[in-house]
Amino acid sequence: MKRLSVIIICTALACAGCSKKEQDTVLQKLLDRWARSTRELNYREYVKSEAVPRSSQVFREMYRHYYLADIMVMESDDPESAAERKGPDGMNILAREVNFECTEVQRNTSKPSSLVRGNVTVIRFTEGERKNDGWLLWNRSIVRIKR
Protein backbone atom coordinates (compact mmCIF):
# COMPACT_ATOMS: atom_id res chain seq x y z
CA MET A 1 0.00 0.00 0.00
CA LYS A 2 2.83 2.42 0.87
CA ARG A 3 4.56 1.57 -2.37
CA LEU A 4 1.45 2.39 -4.37
CA SER A 5 1.14 5.75 -2.58
CA VAL A 6 4.79 6.57 -3.31
CA ILE A 7 4.35 5.67 -6.99
CA ILE A 8 1.23 7.86 -7.26
CA ILE A 9 2.96 10.82 -5.59
CA CYS A 10 6.07 10.46 -7.77
CA THR A 11 3.94 10.30 -10.91
CA ALA A 12 1.99 13.40 -9.89
CA LEU A 13 5.22 15.31 -9.22
CA ALA A 14 6.71 14.22 -12.53
CA CYS A 15 3.59 15.36 -14.39
CA ALA A 16 3.60 18.72 -12.62
CA GLY A 17 7.26 19.20 -13.53
CA CYS A 18 6.58 18.31 -17.16
CA SER A 19 3.77 20.86 -17.54
CA LYS A 20 6.11 23.71 -16.54
CA LYS A 21 8.68 22.44 -19.01
CA GLU A 22 6.03 22.19 -21.74
CA GLN A 23 4.94 25.79 -21.09
CA ASP A 24 8.55 26.98 -21.30
CA THR A 25 8.82 25.13 -24.61
CA VAL A 26 5.72 26.90 -25.95
CA LEU A 27 7.16 30.29 -24.96
CA GLN A 28 10.57 29.40 -26.37
CA LYS A 29 9.00 28.44 -29.71
CA LEU A 30 7.07 31.73 -29.76
CA LEU A 31 10.22 33.76 -29.12
CA ASP A 32 12.17 31.67 -31.65
CA ARG A 33 9.53 32.42 -34.31
CA TRP A 34 9.80 36.14 -33.56
CA ALA A 35 13.63 36.08 -33.69
CA ARG A 36 13.60 34.04 -36.93
CA SER A 37 11.16 36.50 -38.49
CA THR A 38 13.51 39.39 -37.65
CA ARG A 39 16.49 37.53 -39.12
CA GLU A 40 14.72 36.60 -42.35
CA LEU A 41 12.61 39.79 -42.47
CA ASN A 42 9.65 37.44 -42.85
CA TYR A 43 6.57 39.54 -42.18
CA ARG A 44 4.17 36.58 -42.35
CA GLU A 45 5.97 34.79 -39.49
CA TYR A 46 6.18 38.03 -37.52
CA VAL A 47 2.39 38.47 -37.74
CA LYS A 48 1.87 34.95 -36.38
CA SER A 49 3.82 35.79 -33.23
CA GLU A 50 2.42 39.29 -32.54
CA ALA A 51 -0.86 40.20 -30.86
CA VAL A 52 -0.90 43.61 -32.56
CA PRO A 53 1.51 43.48 -35.50
CA ARG A 54 2.91 46.65 -37.02
CA SER A 55 2.58 47.25 -40.74
CA SER A 56 4.95 45.52 -43.15
CA GLN A 57 6.82 48.76 -43.85
CA VAL A 58 7.29 49.52 -40.14
CA PHE A 59 8.46 45.94 -39.49
CA ARG A 60 11.07 46.16 -42.25
CA GLU A 61 12.29 49.54 -41.01
CA MET A 62 12.51 48.35 -37.39
CA TYR A 63 14.73 45.39 -38.28
CA ARG A 64 16.56 46.90 -41.26
CA HIS A 65 19.92 47.23 -39.46
CA TYR A 66 19.85 44.30 -37.04
CA TYR A 67 18.19 41.03 -36.17
CA LEU A 68 17.89 38.89 -33.05
CA ALA A 69 19.58 35.55 -32.48
CA ASP A 70 20.09 32.98 -29.71
CA ILE A 71 16.93 34.00 -27.89
CA MET A 72 16.32 32.26 -24.57
CA VAL A 73 13.52 32.36 -21.97
CA MET A 74 15.07 33.25 -18.62
CA GLU A 75 11.96 33.39 -16.46
CA SER A 76 8.21 33.27 -17.01
CA ASP A 77 5.04 33.53 -14.98
CA ASP A 78 3.18 30.34 -14.31
CA PRO A 79 0.34 29.81 -16.83
CA GLU A 80 -2.12 29.16 -14.01
CA SER A 81 -1.40 32.60 -12.56
CA ALA A 82 -2.08 34.41 -15.86
CA ALA A 83 -3.97 37.62 -15.16
CA GLU A 84 -7.30 38.13 -16.88
CA ARG A 85 -7.74 41.66 -18.23
CA LYS A 86 -8.74 43.72 -21.24
CA GLY A 87 -6.44 43.43 -24.24
CA PRO A 88 -5.22 45.77 -26.96
CA ASP A 89 -8.58 46.03 -28.71
CA GLY A 90 -10.82 45.74 -25.64
CA MET A 91 -11.18 41.96 -25.78
CA ASN A 92 -10.64 39.73 -22.76
CA ILE A 93 -7.17 38.22 -22.56
CA LEU A 94 -4.93 36.18 -20.29
CA ALA A 95 -1.55 37.85 -19.72
CA ARG A 96 1.83 36.61 -18.44
CA GLU A 97 5.25 38.19 -18.14
CA VAL A 98 8.31 36.59 -19.73
CA ASN A 99 11.94 37.65 -19.30
CA PHE A 100 14.35 36.73 -22.08
CA GLU A 101 17.89 37.27 -23.33
CA CYS A 102 19.24 37.23 -26.85
CA THR A 103 21.96 38.62 -29.08
CA GLU A 104 21.51 41.58 -31.39
CA VAL A 105 23.36 40.96 -34.66
CA GLN A 106 24.24 43.73 -37.11
CA ARG A 107 22.87 42.87 -40.53
CA ASN A 108 25.68 44.43 -42.59
CA THR A 109 28.51 42.60 -40.76
CA SER A 110 26.70 39.55 -39.33
CA LYS A 111 28.55 40.21 -36.07
CA PRO A 112 26.97 40.34 -32.61
CA SER A 113 26.79 43.90 -31.30
CA SER A 114 24.79 43.72 -28.07
CA LEU A 115 23.42 41.42 -25.46
CA VAL A 116 19.70 42.10 -25.21
CA ARG A 117 17.67 41.60 -22.05
CA GLY A 118 13.98 41.98 -22.42
CA ASN A 119 10.60 41.61 -20.87
CA VAL A 120 7.51 40.86 -22.89
CA THR A 121 3.90 40.38 -21.97
CA VAL A 122 2.52 37.32 -23.72
CA ILE A 123 -1.23 37.23 -24.11
CA ARG A 124 -3.85 34.76 -25.17
CA PHE A 125 -7.21 36.00 -26.39
CA THR A 126 -10.16 34.34 -24.65
CA GLU A 127 -12.68 35.62 -27.21
CA GLY A 128 -12.82 36.88 -30.77
CA GLU A 129 -11.24 35.76 -34.03
CA ARG A 130 -7.74 35.24 -32.53
CA LYS A 131 -9.01 33.05 -29.68
CA ASN A 132 -7.29 29.93 -31.07
CA ASP A 133 -3.93 31.59 -31.90
CA GLY A 134 -2.33 30.63 -28.57
CA TRP A 135 0.16 32.88 -26.76
CA LEU A 136 1.18 36.03 -28.65
CA LEU A 137 3.75 38.76 -27.99
CA TRP A 138 2.56 42.13 -26.74
CA ASN A 139 4.18 45.11 -25.04
CA ARG A 140 7.95 44.51 -25.14
CA SER A 141 10.71 46.30 -23.22
CA ILE A 142 14.27 45.77 -24.44
CA VAL A 143 17.58 46.83 -22.90
CA ARG A 144 20.74 46.58 -25.01
CA ILE A 145 24.04 45.92 -23.28
CA LYS A 146 26.99 46.90 -25.50
CA ARG A 147 29.78 44.34 -25.80
C-alpha atoms as a PDB file:
ATOM      1  CA  MET A   1       0.000   0.000   0.000  1.00  0.00           C
ATOM      2  CA  LYS A   2       2.825   2.417   0.871  1.00  0.00           C
ATOM      3  CA  ARG A   3       4.563   1.570  -2.371  1.00  0.00           C
ATOM      4  CA  LEU A   4       1.445   2.394  -4.366  1.00  0.00           C
ATOM      5  CA  SER A   5       1.137   5.754  -2.578  1.00  0.00           C
ATOM      6  CA  VAL A   6       4.790   6.569  -3.306  1.00  0.00           C
ATOM      7  CA  ILE A   7       4.347   5.673  -6.985  1.00  0.00           C
ATOM      8  CA  ILE A   8       1.233   7.858  -7.264  1.00  0.00           C
ATOM      9  CA  ILE A   9       2.959  10.820  -5.586  1.00  0.00           C
ATOM     10  CA  CYS A  10       6.070  10.462  -7.767  1.00  0.00           C
ATOM     11  CA  THR A  11       3.939  10.297 -10.911  1.00  0.00           C
ATOM     12  CA  ALA A  12       1.992  13.397  -9.890  1.00  0.00           C
ATOM     13  CA  LEU A  13       5.220  15.311  -9.217  1.00  0.00           C
ATOM     14  CA  ALA A  14       6.711  14.224 -12.526  1.00  0.00           C
ATOM     15  CA  CYS A  15       3.588  15.362 -14.395  1.00  0.00           C
ATOM     16  CA  ALA A  16       3.603  18.718 -12.617  1.00  0.00           C
ATOM     17  CA  GLY A  17       7.257  19.202 -13.530  1.00  0.00           C
ATOM     18  CA  CYS A  18       6.580  18.314 -17.164  1.00  0.00           C
ATOM     19  CA  SER A  19       3.774  20.857 -17.535  1.00  0.00           C
ATOM     20  CA  LYS A  20       6.110  23.711 -16.537  1.00  0.00           C
ATOM     21  CA  LYS A  21       8.683  22.438 -19.011  1.00  0.00           C
ATOM     22  CA  GLU A  22       6.033  22.191 -21.742  1.00  0.00           C
ATOM     23  CA  GLN A  23       4.940  25.791 -21.092  1.00  0.00           C
ATOM     24  CA  ASP A  24       8.550  26.983 -21.303  1.00  0.00           C
ATOM     25  CA  THR A  25       8.823  25.134 -24.615  1.00  0.00           C
ATOM     26  CA  VAL A  26       5.720  26.900 -25.948  1.00  0.00           C
ATOM     27  CA  LEU A  27       7.159  30.290 -24.962  1.00  0.00           C
ATOM     28  CA  GLN A  28      10.567  29.398 -26.371  1.00  0.00           C
ATOM     29  CA  LYS A  29       9.001  28.438 -29.708  1.00  0.00           C
ATOM     30  CA  LEU A  30       7.074  31.725 -29.761  1.00  0.00           C
ATOM     31  CA  LEU A  31      10.221  33.765 -29.122  1.00  0.00           C
ATOM     32  CA  ASP A  32      12.173  31.667 -31.648  1.00  0.00           C
ATOM     33  CA  ARG A  33       9.529  32.418 -34.307  1.00  0.00           C
ATOM     34  CA  TRP A  34       9.801  36.144 -33.556  1.00  0.00           C
ATOM     35  CA  ALA A  35      13.626  36.075 -33.694  1.00  0.00           C
ATOM     36  CA  ARG A  36      13.604  34.043 -36.929  1.00  0.00           C
ATOM     37  CA  SER A  37      11.157  36.498 -38.491  1.00  0.00           C
ATOM     38  CA  THR A  38      13.513  39.394 -37.652  1.00  0.00           C
ATOM     39  CA  ARG A  39      16.492  37.530 -39.117  1.00  0.00           C
ATOM     40  CA  GLU A  40      14.717  36.604 -42.347  1.00  0.00           C
ATOM     41  CA  LEU A  41      12.610  39.791 -42.470  1.00  0.00           C
ATOM     42  CA  ASN A  42       9.646  37.441 -42.851  1.00  0.00           C
ATOM     43  CA  TYR A  43       6.566  39.544 -42.185  1.00  0.00           C
ATOM     44  CA  ARG A  44       4.168  36.581 -42.350  1.00  0.00           C
ATOM     45  CA  GLU A  45       5.966  34.789 -39.490  1.00  0.00           C
ATOM     46  CA  TYR A  46       6.180  38.033 -37.520  1.00  0.00           C
ATOM     47  CA  VAL A  47       2.391  38.473 -37.743  1.00  0.00           C
ATOM     48  CA  LYS A  48       1.866  34.948 -36.385  1.00  0.00           C
ATOM     49  CA  SER A  49       3.819  35.795 -33.228  1.00  0.00           C
ATOM     50  CA  GLU A  50       2.421  39.290 -32.542  1.00  0.00           C
ATOM     51  CA  ALA A  51      -0.860  40.202 -30.864  1.00  0.00           C
ATOM     52  CA  VAL A  52      -0.902  43.614 -32.559  1.00  0.00           C
ATOM     53  CA  PRO A  53       1.507  43.478 -35.499  1.00  0.00           C
ATOM     54  CA  ARG A  54       2.907  46.647 -37.016  1.00  0.00           C
ATOM     55  CA  SER A  55       2.580  47.247 -40.744  1.00  0.00           C
ATOM     56  CA  SER A  56       4.950  45.522 -43.146  1.00  0.00           C
ATOM     57  CA  GLN A  57       6.824  48.756 -43.850  1.00  0.00           C
ATOM     58  CA  VAL A  58       7.290  49.520 -40.140  1.00  0.00           C
ATOM     59  CA  PHE A  59       8.456  45.939 -39.492  1.00  0.00           C
ATOM     60  CA  ARG A  60      11.072  46.163 -42.251  1.00  0.00           C
ATOM     61  CA  GLU A  61      12.287  49.540 -41.012  1.00  0.00           C
ATOM     62  CA  MET A  62      12.505  48.347 -37.389  1.00  0.00           C
ATOM     63  CA  TYR A  63      14.728  45.394 -38.276  1.00  0.00           C
ATOM     64  CA  ARG A  64      16.560  46.898 -41.258  1.00  0.00           C
ATOM     65  CA  HIS A  65      19.918  47.230 -39.463  1.00  0.00           C
ATOM     66  CA  TYR A  66      19.848  44.298 -37.041  1.00  0.00           C
ATOM     67  CA  TYR A  67      18.187  41.027 -36.172  1.00  0.00           C
ATOM     68  CA  LEU A  68      17.889  38.891 -33.047  1.00  0.00           C
ATOM     69  CA  ALA A  69      19.578  35.548 -32.485  1.00  0.00           C
ATOM     70  CA  ASP A  70      20.085  32.983 -29.710  1.00  0.00           C
ATOM     71  CA  ILE A  71      16.926  33.996 -27.885  1.00  0.00           C
ATOM     72  CA  MET A  72      16.316  32.263 -24.574  1.00  0.00           C
ATOM     73  CA  VAL A  73      13.523  32.358 -21.974  1.00  0.00           C
ATOM     74  CA  MET A  74      15.070  33.254 -18.623  1.00  0.00           C
ATOM     75  CA  GLU A  75      11.958  33.389 -16.464  1.00  0.00           C
ATOM     76  CA  SER A  76       8.211  33.275 -17.006  1.00  0.00           C
ATOM     77  CA  ASP A  77       5.042  33.531 -14.985  1.00  0.00           C
ATOM     78  CA  ASP A  78       3.181  30.336 -14.312  1.00  0.00           C
ATOM     79  CA  PRO A  79       0.342  29.808 -16.830  1.00  0.00           C
ATOM     80  CA  GLU A  80      -2.123  29.155 -14.010  1.00  0.00           C
ATOM     81  CA  SER A  81      -1.398  32.604 -12.562  1.00  0.00           C
ATOM     82  CA  ALA A  82      -2.077  34.412 -15.856  1.00  0.00           C
ATOM     83  CA  ALA A  83      -3.975  37.621 -15.161  1.00  0.00           C
ATOM     84  CA  GLU A  84      -7.299  38.126 -16.883  1.00  0.00           C
ATOM     85  CA  ARG A  85      -7.738  41.657 -18.230  1.00  0.00           C
ATOM     86  CA  LYS A  86      -8.738  43.717 -21.244  1.00  0.00           C
ATOM     87  CA  GLY A  87      -6.436  43.435 -24.240  1.00  0.00           C
ATOM     88  CA  PRO A  88      -5.220  45.770 -26.957  1.00  0.00           C
ATOM     89  CA  ASP A  89      -8.580  46.029 -28.712  1.00  0.00           C
ATOM     90  CA  GLY A  90     -10.818  45.740 -25.642  1.00  0.00           C
ATOM     91  CA  MET A  91     -11.177  41.960 -25.784  1.00  0.00           C
ATOM     92  CA  ASN A  92     -10.644  39.725 -22.764  1.00  0.00           C
ATOM     93  CA  ILE A  93      -7.168  38.220 -22.565  1.00  0.00           C
ATOM     94  CA  LEU A  94      -4.929  36.184 -20.294  1.00  0.00           C
ATOM     95  CA  ALA A  95      -1.549  37.849 -19.721  1.00  0.00           C
ATOM     96  CA  ARG A  96       1.827  36.610 -18.440  1.00  0.00           C
ATOM     97  CA  GLU A  97       5.252  38.187 -18.136  1.00  0.00           C
ATOM     98  CA  VAL A  98       8.311  36.593 -19.729  1.00  0.00           C
ATOM     99  CA  ASN A  99      11.945  37.647 -19.303  1.00  0.00           C
ATOM    100  CA  PHE A 100      14.351  36.730 -22.084  1.00  0.00           C
ATOM    101  CA  GLU A 101      17.888  37.274 -23.328  1.00  0.00           C
ATOM    102  CA  CYS A 102      19.243  37.229 -26.852  1.00  0.00           C
ATOM    103  CA  THR A 103      21.956  38.623 -29.080  1.00  0.00           C
ATOM    104  CA  GLU A 104      21.513  41.577 -31.393  1.00  0.00           C
ATOM    105  CA  VAL A 105      23.362  40.957 -34.661  1.00  0.00           C
ATOM    106  CA  GLN A 106      24.236  43.733 -37.106  1.00  0.00           C
ATOM    107  CA  ARG A 107      22.869  42.866 -40.530  1.00  0.00           C
ATOM    108  CA  ASN A 108      25.681  44.426 -42.590  1.00  0.00           C
ATOM    109  CA  THR A 109      28.511  42.599 -40.762  1.00  0.00           C
ATOM    110  CA  SER A 110      26.704  39.548 -39.331  1.00  0.00           C
ATOM    111  CA  LYS A 111      28.550  40.214 -36.068  1.00  0.00           C
ATOM    112  CA  PRO A 112      26.974  40.344 -32.608  1.00  0.00           C
ATOM    113  CA  SER A 113      26.788  43.899 -31.298  1.00  0.00           C
ATOM    114  CA  SER A 114      24.794  43.717 -28.074  1.00  0.00           C
ATOM    115  CA  LEU A 115      23.417  41.423 -25.458  1.00  0.00           C
ATOM    116  CA  VAL A 116      19.698  42.104 -25.209  1.00  0.00           C
ATOM    117  CA  ARG A 117      17.673  41.601 -22.054  1.00  0.00           C
ATOM    118  CA  GLY A 118      13.983  41.980 -22.421  1.00  0.00           C
ATOM    119  CA  ASN A 119      10.597  41.612 -20.866  1.00  0.00           C
ATOM    120  CA  VAL A 120       7.513  40.861 -22.886  1.00  0.00           C
ATOM    121  CA  THR A 121       3.899  40.379 -21.969  1.00  0.00           C
ATOM    122  CA  VAL A 122       2.522  37.325 -23.721  1.00  0.00           C
ATOM    123  CA  ILE A 123      -1.227  37.233 -24.106  1.00  0.00           C
ATOM    124  CA  ARG A 124      -3.847  34.763 -25.166  1.00  0.00           C
ATOM    125  CA  PHE A 125      -7.209  36.004 -26.385  1.00  0.00           C
ATOM    126  CA  THR A 126     -10.158  34.343 -24.650  1.00  0.00           C
ATOM    127  CA  GLU A 127     -12.683  35.615 -27.209  1.00  0.00           C
ATOM    128  CA  GLY A 128     -12.821  36.884 -30.772  1.00  0.00           C
ATOM    129  CA  GLU A 129     -11.239  35.756 -34.026  1.00  0.00           C
ATOM    130  CA  ARG A 130      -7.738  35.241 -32.525  1.00  0.00           C
ATOM    131  CA  LYS A 131      -9.005  33.049 -29.677  1.00  0.00           C
ATOM    132  CA  ASN A 132      -7.288  29.932 -31.072  1.00  0.00           C
ATOM    133  CA  ASP A 133      -3.934  31.586 -31.897  1.00  0.00           C
ATOM    134  CA  GLY A 134      -2.331  30.632 -28.568  1.00  0.00           C
ATOM    135  CA  TRP A 135       0.156  32.878 -26.763  1.00  0.00           C
ATOM    136  CA  LEU A 136       1.181  36.030 -28.655  1.00  0.00           C
ATOM    137  CA  LEU A 137       3.749  38.758 -27.987  1.00  0.00           C
ATOM    138  CA  TRP A 138       2.562  42.133 -26.741  1.00  0.00           C
ATOM    139  CA  ASN A 139       4.179  45.108 -25.038  1.00  0.00           C
ATOM    140  CA  ARG A 140       7.945  44.506 -25.137  1.00  0.00           C
ATOM    141  CA  SER A 141      10.708  46.303 -23.224  1.00  0.00           C
ATOM    142  CA  ILE A 142      14.268  45.773 -24.439  1.00  0.00           C
ATOM    143  CA  VAL A 143      17.581  46.827 -22.897  1.00  0.00           C
ATOM    144  CA  ARG A 144      20.738  46.576 -25.012  1.00  0.00           C
ATOM    145  CA  ILE A 145      24.039  45.923 -23.284  1.00  0.00           C
ATOM    146  CA  LYS A 146      26.987  46.902 -25.497  1.00  0.00           C
ATOM    147  CA  ARG A 147      29.777  44.339 -25.803  1.00  0.00           C
END
